[in-house]
Amino acid sequence: MEVVGDFEYSKRDLVGHGAFAVVFRGRHRQKTDWEVAIKSINKKNLSKSQILLGKEIKILKELQHENIVALYDVQELPNSVFLVMEVVLQWWRPRRLFARLYRHILRIIWTDMHHK
């Protein structure tokens, strides 16, 4: 099992992948019935502006709304960023959900940059 903070996943539990990330089904290490989605983002495939998402991701962790996928934890390693997120019902298309999440994050960044 791979460990990401208080969570863990197996590389065999692949949910999906995209151009710069891979998503695995994971769980809390102690509360093993708490399932999560763990998105592994390779920093090599990110532009410089996207690497600077740390603050914005922290803001997103604080947001709580029924239409926003909950972000439980973020772990940053030298070559990767891991997002630990709420598992959404299987009939939802994960790519669309993550695309919505990134659009939301980019909107936060844009707003923050233009109001300083």
C-alpha atoms as a PDB file:
ATOM      1  CA  MET A   1       0.000   0.000   0.000  1.00  0.00           C
ATOM      2  CA  GLU A   2       1.113   3.536  -0.799  1.00  0.00           C
ATOM      3  CA  VAL A   3       0.695   6.049   2.047  1.00  0.00           C
ATOM      4  CA  VAL A   4      -0.542   9.634   1.597  1.00  0.00           C
ATOM      5  CA  GLY A   5      -0.813  11.302   5.008  1.00  0.00           C
ATOM      6  CA  ASP A   6      -3.574   9.513   6.935  1.00  0.00           C
ATOM      7  CA  PHE A   7      -4.735   7.723   3.788  1.00  0.00           C
ATOM      8  CA  GLU A   8      -3.513   4.793   1.722  1.00  0.00           C
ATOM      9  CA  TYR A   9      -4.092   3.272  -1.694  1.00  0.00           C
ATOM     10  CA  SER A  10      -2.949   0.437  -3.881  1.00  0.00           C
ATOM     11  CA  LYS A  11      -1.746   1.132  -7.406  1.00  0.00           C
ATOM     12  CA  ARG A  12      -3.980  -1.774  -8.458  1.00  0.00           C
ATOM     13  CA  ASP A  13      -7.082   0.275  -7.539  1.00  0.00           C
ATOM     14  CA  LEU A  14      -6.845   2.622 -10.520  1.00  0.00           C
ATOM     15  CA  VAL A  15     -10.000   4.671 -11.093  1.00  0.00           C
ATOM     16  CA  GLY A  16      -8.824   6.711 -14.067  1.00  0.00           C
ATOM     17  CA  HIS A  17      -6.050   8.774 -15.583  1.00  0.00           C
ATOM     18  CA  GLY A  18      -5.565  11.896 -17.616  1.00  0.00           C
ATOM     19  CA  ALA A  19      -2.808  13.914 -19.236  1.00  0.00           C
ATOM     20  CA  PHE A  20      -1.045  14.801 -15.986  1.00  0.00           C
ATOM     21  CA  ALA A  21      -2.681  12.788 -13.193  1.00  0.00           C
ATOM     22  CA  VAL A  22      -3.771   9.337 -12.079  1.00  0.00           C
ATOM     23  CA  VAL A  23      -6.673   8.654  -9.702  1.00  0.00           C
ATOM     24  CA  PHE A  24      -6.817   5.717  -7.318  1.00  0.00           C
ATOM     25  CA  ARG A  25      -9.470   4.498  -4.919  1.00  0.00           C
ATOM     26  CA  GLY A  26      -8.097   4.707  -1.384  1.00  0.00           C
ATOM     27  CA  ARG A  27      -9.138   4.707   2.240  1.00  0.00           C
ATOM     28  CA  HIS A  28      -8.310   6.194   5.614  1.00  0.00           C
ATOM     29  CA  ARG A  29      -5.562   4.188   7.308  1.00  0.00           C
ATOM     30  CA  GLN A  30      -7.396   3.840  10.633  1.00  0.00           C
ATOM     31  CA  LYS A  31     -11.032   4.361   9.646  1.00  0.00           C
ATOM     32  CA  THR A  32     -10.833   1.770   6.872  1.00  0.00           C
ATOM     33  CA  ASP A  33     -14.511   2.128   5.899  1.00  0.00           C
ATOM     34  CA  TRP A  34     -13.842   5.771   4.864  1.00  0.00           C
ATOM     35  CA  GLU A  35     -13.202   5.497   1.123  1.00  0.00           C
ATOM     36  CA  VAL A  36     -11.594   8.325  -0.818  1.00  0.00           C
ATOM     37  CA  ALA A  37     -10.277   9.147  -4.264  1.00  0.00           C
ATOM     38  CA  ILE A  38      -6.550   9.910  -4.338  1.00  0.00           C
ATOM     39  CA  LYS A  39      -5.348  11.925  -7.297  1.00  0.00           C
ATOM     40  CA  SER A  40      -1.612  11.752  -7.979  1.00  0.00           C
ATOM     41  CA  ILE A  41      -0.350  14.686 -10.044  1.00  0.00           C
ATOM     42  CA  ASN A  42       3.138  14.506 -11.546  1.00  0.00           C
ATOM     43  CA  LYS A  43       4.775  17.931 -11.192  1.00  0.00           C
ATOM     44  CA  LYS A  44       6.868  17.389 -14.318  1.00  0.00           C
ATOM     45  CA  ASN A  45       3.721  17.653 -16.407  1.00  0.00           C
ATOM     46  CA  LEU A  46       2.467  20.877 -14.825  1.00  0.00           C
ATOM     47  CA  SER A  47       3.142  24.401 -15.941  1.00  0.00           C
ATOM     48  CA  LYS A  48       4.738  26.778 -13.450  1.00  0.00           C
ATOM     49  CA  SER A  49       1.429  28.516 -12.742  1.00  0.00           C
ATOM     50  CA  GLN A  50      -0.259  25.242 -11.865  1.00  0.00           C
ATOM     51  CA  ILE A  51       2.533  24.255  -9.490  1.00  0.00           C
ATOM     52  CA  LEU A  52       1.717  27.372  -7.472  1.00  0.00           C
ATOM     53  CA  LEU A  53      -1.742  26.083  -6.547  1.00  0.00           C
ATOM     54  CA  GLY A  54      -0.814  25.327  -2.935  1.00  0.00           C
ATOM     55  CA  LYS A  55      -2.617  28.276  -1.365  1.00  0.00           C
ATOM     56  CA  GLU A  56      -5.636  27.921  -3.587  1.00  0.00           C
ATOM     57  CA  ILE A  57      -5.915  24.206  -2.811  1.00  0.00           C
ATOM     58  CA  LYS A  58      -5.837  25.038   0.897  1.00  0.00           C
ATOM     59  CA  ILE A  59      -8.729  27.444   0.354  1.00  0.00           C
ATOM     60  CA  LEU A  60     -10.629  24.741  -1.495  1.00  0.00           C
ATOM     61  CA  LYS A  61     -10.149  22.387   1.472  1.00  0.00           C
ATOM     62  CA  GLU A  62     -12.105  24.882   3.573  1.00  0.00           C
ATOM     63  CA  LEU A  63     -15.022  25.127   1.156  1.00  0.00           C
ATOM     64  CA  GLN A  64     -18.023  23.010   2.029  1.00  0.00           C
ATOM     65  CA  HIS A  65     -20.851  22.858  -0.473  1.00  0.00           C
ATOM     66  CA  GLU A  66     -22.976  20.019  -1.792  1.00  0.00           C
ATOM     67  CA  ASN A  67     -21.993  20.825  -5.389  1.00  0.00           C
ATOM     68  CA  ILE A  68     -18.243  20.825  -4.741  1.00  0.00           C
ATOM     69  CA  VAL A  69     -16.290  17.603  -4.288  1.00  0.00           C
ATOM     70  CA  ALA A  70     -14.769  17.689  -0.796  1.00  0.00           C
ATOM     71  CA  LEU A  71     -10.992  17.953  -0.661  1.00  0.00           C
ATOM     72  CA  TYR A  72      -9.816  16.228   2.538  1.00  0.00           C
ATOM     73  CA  ASP A  73      -6.060  16.474   2.304  1.00  0.00           C
ATOM     74  CA  VAL A  74      -3.174  17.603   0.116  1.00  0.00           C
ATOM     75  CA  GLN A  75       0.298  16.115   0.319  1.00  0.00           C
ATOM     76  CA  GLU A  76       3.187  17.531  -1.667  1.00  0.00           C
ATOM     77  CA  LEU A  77       6.325  15.567  -2.446  1.00  0.00           C
ATOM     78  CA  PRO A  78       9.296  16.712  -4.555  1.00  0.00           C
ATOM     79  CA  ASN A  79       7.887  15.178  -7.768  1.00  0.00           C
ATOM     80  CA  SER A  80       4.167  14.816  -7.041  1.00  0.00           C
ATOM     81  CA  VAL A  81       1.124  16.409  -5.460  1.00  0.00           C
ATOM     82  CA  PHE A  82      -1.579  14.178  -3.991  1.00  0.00           C
ATOM     83  CA  LEU A  83      -5.174  15.341  -3.598  1.00  0.00           C
ATOM     84  CA  VAL A  84      -7.297  13.221  -1.267  1.00  0.00           C
ATOM     85  CA  MET A  85     -10.904  13.765  -2.255  1.00  0.00           C
ATOM     86  CA  GLU A  86     -14.422  12.625  -1.623  1.00  0.00           C
ATOM     87  CA  VAL A  87     -15.496   9.565  -3.577  1.00  0.00           C
ATOM     88  CA  VAL A  88     -18.420  10.386  -5.832  1.00  0.00           C
ATOM     89  CA  LEU A  89     -21.077   7.918  -6.925  1.00  0.00           C
ATOM     90  CA  GLN A  90     -19.862   5.733  -9.779  1.00  0.00           C
ATOM     91  CA  TRP A  91     -22.430   7.009 -12.245  1.00  0.00           C
ATOM     92  CA  TRP A  92     -20.668  10.387 -12.220  1.00  0.00           C
ATOM     93  CA  ARG A  93     -17.857  10.746 -14.715  1.00  0.00           C
ATOM     94  CA  PRO A  94     -14.655  11.426 -12.732  1.00  0.00           C
ATOM     95  CA  ARG A  95     -13.052  13.446 -15.532  1.00  0.00           C
ATOM     96  CA  ARG A  96     -15.920  15.912 -15.512  1.00  0.00           C
ATOM     97  CA  LEU A  97     -15.754  16.265 -11.740  1.00  0.00           C
ATOM     98  CA  PHE A  98     -12.015  16.880 -11.704  1.00  0.00           C
ATOM     99  CA  ALA A  99     -12.330  19.276 -14.637  1.00  0.00           C
ATOM    100  CA  ARG A 100     -14.932  21.231 -12.652  1.00  0.00           C
ATOM    101  CA  LEU A 101     -12.633  21.230  -9.635  1.00  0.00           C
ATOM    102  CA  TYR A 102      -9.710  22.624 -11.635  1.00  0.00           C
ATOM    103  CA  ARG A 103     -11.893  25.263 -13.290  1.00  0.00           C
ATOM    104  CA  HIS A 104     -12.980  26.318  -9.819  1.00  0.00           C
ATOM    105  CA  ILE A 105      -9.384  26.441  -8.556  1.00  0.00           C
ATOM    106  CA  LEU A 106      -8.261  28.447 -11.584  1.00  0.00           C
ATOM    107  CA  ARG A 107     -11.169  30.850 -11.040  1.00  0.00           C
ATOM    108  CA  ILE A 108      -9.965  31.383  -7.446  1.00  0.00           C
ATOM    109  CA  ILE A 109      -6.422  32.033  -8.666  1.00  0.00           C
ATOM    110  CA  TRP A 110      -7.565  34.455 -11.355  1.00  0.00           C
ATOM    111  CA  THR A 111      -9.765  36.359  -8.904  1.00  0.00           C
ATOM    112  CA  ASP A 112      -6.980  36.512  -6.328  1.00  0.00           C
ATOM    113  CA  MET A 113      -4.411  37.725  -8.878  1.00  0.00           C
ATOM    114  CA  HIS A 114      -6.653  40.458 -10.248  1.00  0.00           C
ATOM    115  CA  HIS A 115      -7.770  41.843  -6.883  1.00  0.00           C
ATOM    116  CA  LYS A 116      -4.312  42.595  -5.488  1.00  0.00           C
END
